[in-house]
Amino acid sequence: MSECFSSGQLALTFIETKGVKMNQKQKTILLASAAIVALMALFPPYIVKNYKNVVIKSGYGFLFNLPPYISTTSNTVIPATVNASTLLVQIFSVLVVASLIYFAFHKN
């Protein structure tokens, strides 16, 4: 019984062995929402604040290479930080919508 599973299939197999029965649409919703959350974590929102704690730059960037702000007048480099509160709101929103869609496709 040496079957080759992808990580998503392995996770779904684990869930189904715990007594949770899912139809194909629910599996798709679960995997799609997990992929969206993973992408949101890899490309989070960031902000750059100056010394007065004022946001001078914001956007989205790769987690391990957030773009710093480089001042043209004083040659100062200010690093970007992940905007954790915005990221958590985004992840929570995706999970709520995915849960609603998941249960909408539930068959009795």
C-alpha atoms as a PDB file:
ATOM      1  CA  MET A   1       0.000   0.000   0.000  1.00  0.00           C
ATOM      2  CA  SER A   2       2.611   2.540  -1.007  1.00  0.00           C
ATOM      3  CA  GLU A   3       0.404   5.293  -2.344  1.00  0.00           C
ATOM      4  CA  CYS A   4       1.863   8.694  -3.142  1.00  0.00           C
ATOM      5  CA  PHE A   5      -0.146  11.578  -1.660  1.00  0.00           C
ATOM      6  CA  SER A   6       0.292  15.305  -2.036  1.00  0.00           C
ATOM      7  CA  SER A   7       0.199  17.304   1.187  1.00  0.00           C
ATOM      8  CA  GLY A   8      -3.363  18.467   0.464  1.00  0.00           C
ATOM      9  CA  GLN A   9      -4.564  14.939  -0.191  1.00  0.00           C
ATOM     10  CA  LEU A  10      -2.806  13.732   2.942  1.00  0.00           C
ATOM     11  CA  ALA A  11      -4.514  16.415   5.039  1.00  0.00           C
ATOM     12  CA  LEU A  12      -7.918  15.581   3.576  1.00  0.00           C
ATOM     13  CA  THR A  13      -7.331  11.872   4.161  1.00  0.00           C
ATOM     14  CA  PHE A  14      -6.448  12.623   7.786  1.00  0.00           C
ATOM     15  CA  ILE A  15      -9.624  14.682   8.246  1.00  0.00           C
ATOM     16  CA  GLU A  16     -11.805  11.998   6.702  1.00  0.00           C
ATOM     17  CA  THR A  17     -10.340   9.272   8.934  1.00  0.00           C
ATOM     18  CA  LYS A  18     -11.447  11.330  11.928  1.00  0.00           C
ATOM     19  CA  GLY A  19     -15.101  10.842  10.961  1.00  0.00           C
ATOM     20  CA  VAL A  20     -15.655  14.001   8.916  1.00  0.00           C
ATOM     21  CA  LYS A  21     -17.256  13.223   5.554  1.00  0.00           C
ATOM     22  CA  MET A  22     -16.799  15.815   2.832  1.00  0.00           C
ATOM     23  CA  ASN A  23     -18.081  15.976  -0.703  1.00  0.00           C
ATOM     24  CA  GLN A  24     -15.847  17.085  -3.588  1.00  0.00           C
ATOM     25  CA  LYS A  25     -17.013  20.719  -3.468  1.00  0.00           C
ATOM     26  CA  GLN A  26     -16.189  20.952   0.231  1.00  0.00           C
ATOM     27  CA  LYS A  27     -12.717  19.520  -0.384  1.00  0.00           C
ATOM     28  CA  THR A  28     -12.155  22.079  -3.112  1.00  0.00           C
ATOM     29  CA  ILE A  29     -13.292  24.909  -0.846  1.00  0.00           C
ATOM     30  CA  LEU A  30     -11.021  23.707   1.957  1.00  0.00           C
ATOM     31  CA  LEU A  31      -7.961  23.452  -0.279  1.00  0.00           C
ATOM     32  CA  ALA A  32      -8.658  26.759  -2.050  1.00  0.00           C
ATOM     33  CA  SER A  33      -9.079  28.654   1.210  1.00  0.00           C
ATOM     34  CA  ALA A  34      -5.884  27.099   2.604  1.00  0.00           C
ATOM     35  CA  ALA A  35      -4.027  28.170  -0.548  1.00  0.00           C
ATOM     36  CA  ILE A  36      -5.408  31.711  -0.300  1.00  0.00           C
ATOM     37  CA  VAL A  37      -4.365  32.017   3.357  1.00  0.00           C
ATOM     38  CA  ALA A  38      -0.895  30.665   2.517  1.00  0.00           C
ATOM     39  CA  LEU A  39      -0.494  33.230  -0.281  1.00  0.00           C
ATOM     40  CA  MET A  40      -1.715  36.012   1.997  1.00  0.00           C
ATOM     41  CA  ALA A  41       0.907  34.995   4.563  1.00  0.00           C
ATOM     42  CA  LEU A  42       3.657  34.898   1.916  1.00  0.00           C
ATOM     43  CA  PHE A  43       2.722  38.325   0.529  1.00  0.00           C
ATOM     44  CA  PRO A  44       1.533  40.274   3.590  1.00  0.00           C
ATOM     45  CA  PRO A  45       0.638  43.944   3.808  1.00  0.00           C
ATOM     46  CA  TYR A  46       3.503  46.097   5.026  1.00  0.00           C
ATOM     47  CA  ILE A  47       3.957  49.619   6.324  1.00  0.00           C
ATOM     48  CA  VAL A  48       6.897  51.954   6.739  1.00  0.00           C
ATOM     49  CA  LYS A  49       6.702  54.525   9.534  1.00  0.00           C
ATOM     50  CA  ASN A  50       8.964  57.530  10.052  1.00  0.00           C
ATOM     51  CA  TYR A  51      10.372  58.676  13.371  1.00  0.00           C
ATOM     52  CA  LYS A  52       7.089  60.483  14.168  1.00  0.00           C
ATOM     53  CA  ASN A  53       5.217  57.160  13.746  1.00  0.00           C
ATOM     54  CA  VAL A  54       3.498  58.407  10.586  1.00  0.00           C
ATOM     55  CA  VAL A  55       2.960  55.885   7.787  1.00  0.00           C
ATOM     56  CA  ILE A  56       4.983  57.055   4.790  1.00  0.00           C
ATOM     57  CA  LYS A  57       4.693  53.949   2.611  1.00  0.00           C
ATOM     58  CA  SER A  58       2.454  50.882   2.494  1.00  0.00           C
ATOM     59  CA  GLY A  59       1.651  48.025   0.182  1.00  0.00           C
ATOM     60  CA  TYR A  60       2.097  44.295  -0.266  1.00  0.00           C
ATOM     61  CA  GLY A  61       5.392  42.470  -0.628  1.00  0.00           C
ATOM     62  CA  PHE A  62       7.116  39.131  -0.346  1.00  0.00           C
ATOM     63  CA  LEU A  63       7.482  38.195   3.327  1.00  0.00           C
ATOM     64  CA  PHE A  64      11.248  37.652   3.203  1.00  0.00           C
ATOM     65  CA  ASN A  65      12.013  40.722   1.064  1.00  0.00           C
ATOM     66  CA  LEU A  66       9.833  43.647   2.156  1.00  0.00           C
ATOM     67  CA  PRO A  67      10.854  46.840   0.345  1.00  0.00           C
ATOM     68  CA  PRO A  68      12.406  49.512   2.589  1.00  0.00           C
ATOM     69  CA  TYR A  69      11.835  53.234   2.209  1.00  0.00           C
ATOM     70  CA  ILE A  70      14.914  55.095   1.024  1.00  0.00           C
ATOM     71  CA  SER A  71      14.825  58.816   1.637  1.00  0.00           C
ATOM     72  CA  THR A  72      16.220  60.866  -1.226  1.00  0.00           C
ATOM     73  CA  THR A  73      17.056  63.893   0.911  1.00  0.00           C
ATOM     74  CA  SER A  74      18.871  62.354   3.866  1.00  0.00           C
ATOM     75  CA  ASN A  75      19.922  58.946   2.440  1.00  0.00           C
ATOM     76  CA  THR A  76      18.074  57.258   5.281  1.00  0.00           C
ATOM     77  CA  VAL A  77      16.817  53.698   4.909  1.00  0.00           C
ATOM     78  CA  ILE A  78      13.716  52.835   6.929  1.00  0.00           C
ATOM     79  CA  PRO A  79      12.784  49.130   6.992  1.00  0.00           C
ATOM     80  CA  ALA A  80       9.255  47.943   6.313  1.00  0.00           C
ATOM     81  CA  THR A  81       7.279  45.948   8.855  1.00  0.00           C
ATOM     82  CA  VAL A  82       4.376  43.562   8.393  1.00  0.00           C
ATOM     83  CA  ASN A  83       1.022  45.166   9.132  1.00  0.00           C
ATOM     84  CA  ALA A  84      -0.143  42.315  11.360  1.00  0.00           C
ATOM     85  CA  SER A  85      -3.554  43.751  12.213  1.00  0.00           C
ATOM     86  CA  THR A  86      -4.526  44.091   8.544  1.00  0.00           C
ATOM     87  CA  LEU A  87      -3.182  40.615   7.790  1.00  0.00           C
ATOM     88  CA  LEU A  88      -5.192  39.063  10.630  1.00  0.00           C
ATOM     89  CA  VAL A  89      -8.379  40.799   9.476  1.00  0.00           C
ATOM     90  CA  GLN A  90      -7.803  39.505   5.943  1.00  0.00           C
ATOM     91  CA  ILE A  91      -7.174  35.940   7.114  1.00  0.00           C
ATOM     92  CA  PHE A  92     -10.208  36.038   9.417  1.00  0.00           C
ATOM     93  CA  SER A  93     -12.374  37.311   6.545  1.00  0.00           C
ATOM     94  CA  VAL A  94     -11.250  34.508   4.237  1.00  0.00           C
ATOM     95  CA  LEU A  95     -11.900  31.906   6.917  1.00  0.00           C
ATOM     96  CA  VAL A  96     -15.406  33.244   7.635  1.00  0.00           C
ATOM     97  CA  VAL A  97     -16.361  33.331   3.947  1.00  0.00           C
ATOM     98  CA  ALA A  98     -14.830  29.887   3.345  1.00  0.00           C
ATOM     99  CA  SER A  99     -16.722  28.477   6.346  1.00  0.00           C
ATOM    100  CA  LEU A 100     -20.017  29.867   5.086  1.00  0.00           C
ATOM    101  CA  ILE A 101     -19.445  28.438   1.619  1.00  0.00           C
ATOM    102  CA  TYR A 102     -18.251  25.121   3.094  1.00  0.00           C
ATOM    103  CA  PHE A 103     -21.437  24.685   5.129  1.00  0.00           C
ATOM    104  CA  ALA A 104     -23.599  25.860   2.225  1.00  0.00           C
ATOM    105  CA  PHE A 105     -22.416  22.796   0.301  1.00  0.00           C
ATOM    106  CA  HIS A 106     -23.014  20.424   3.207  1.00  0.00           C
ATOM    107  CA  LYS A 107     -25.219  17.453   2.350  1.00  0.00           C
ATOM    108  CA  ASN A 108     -27.260  15.729   5.030  1.00  0.00           C
END
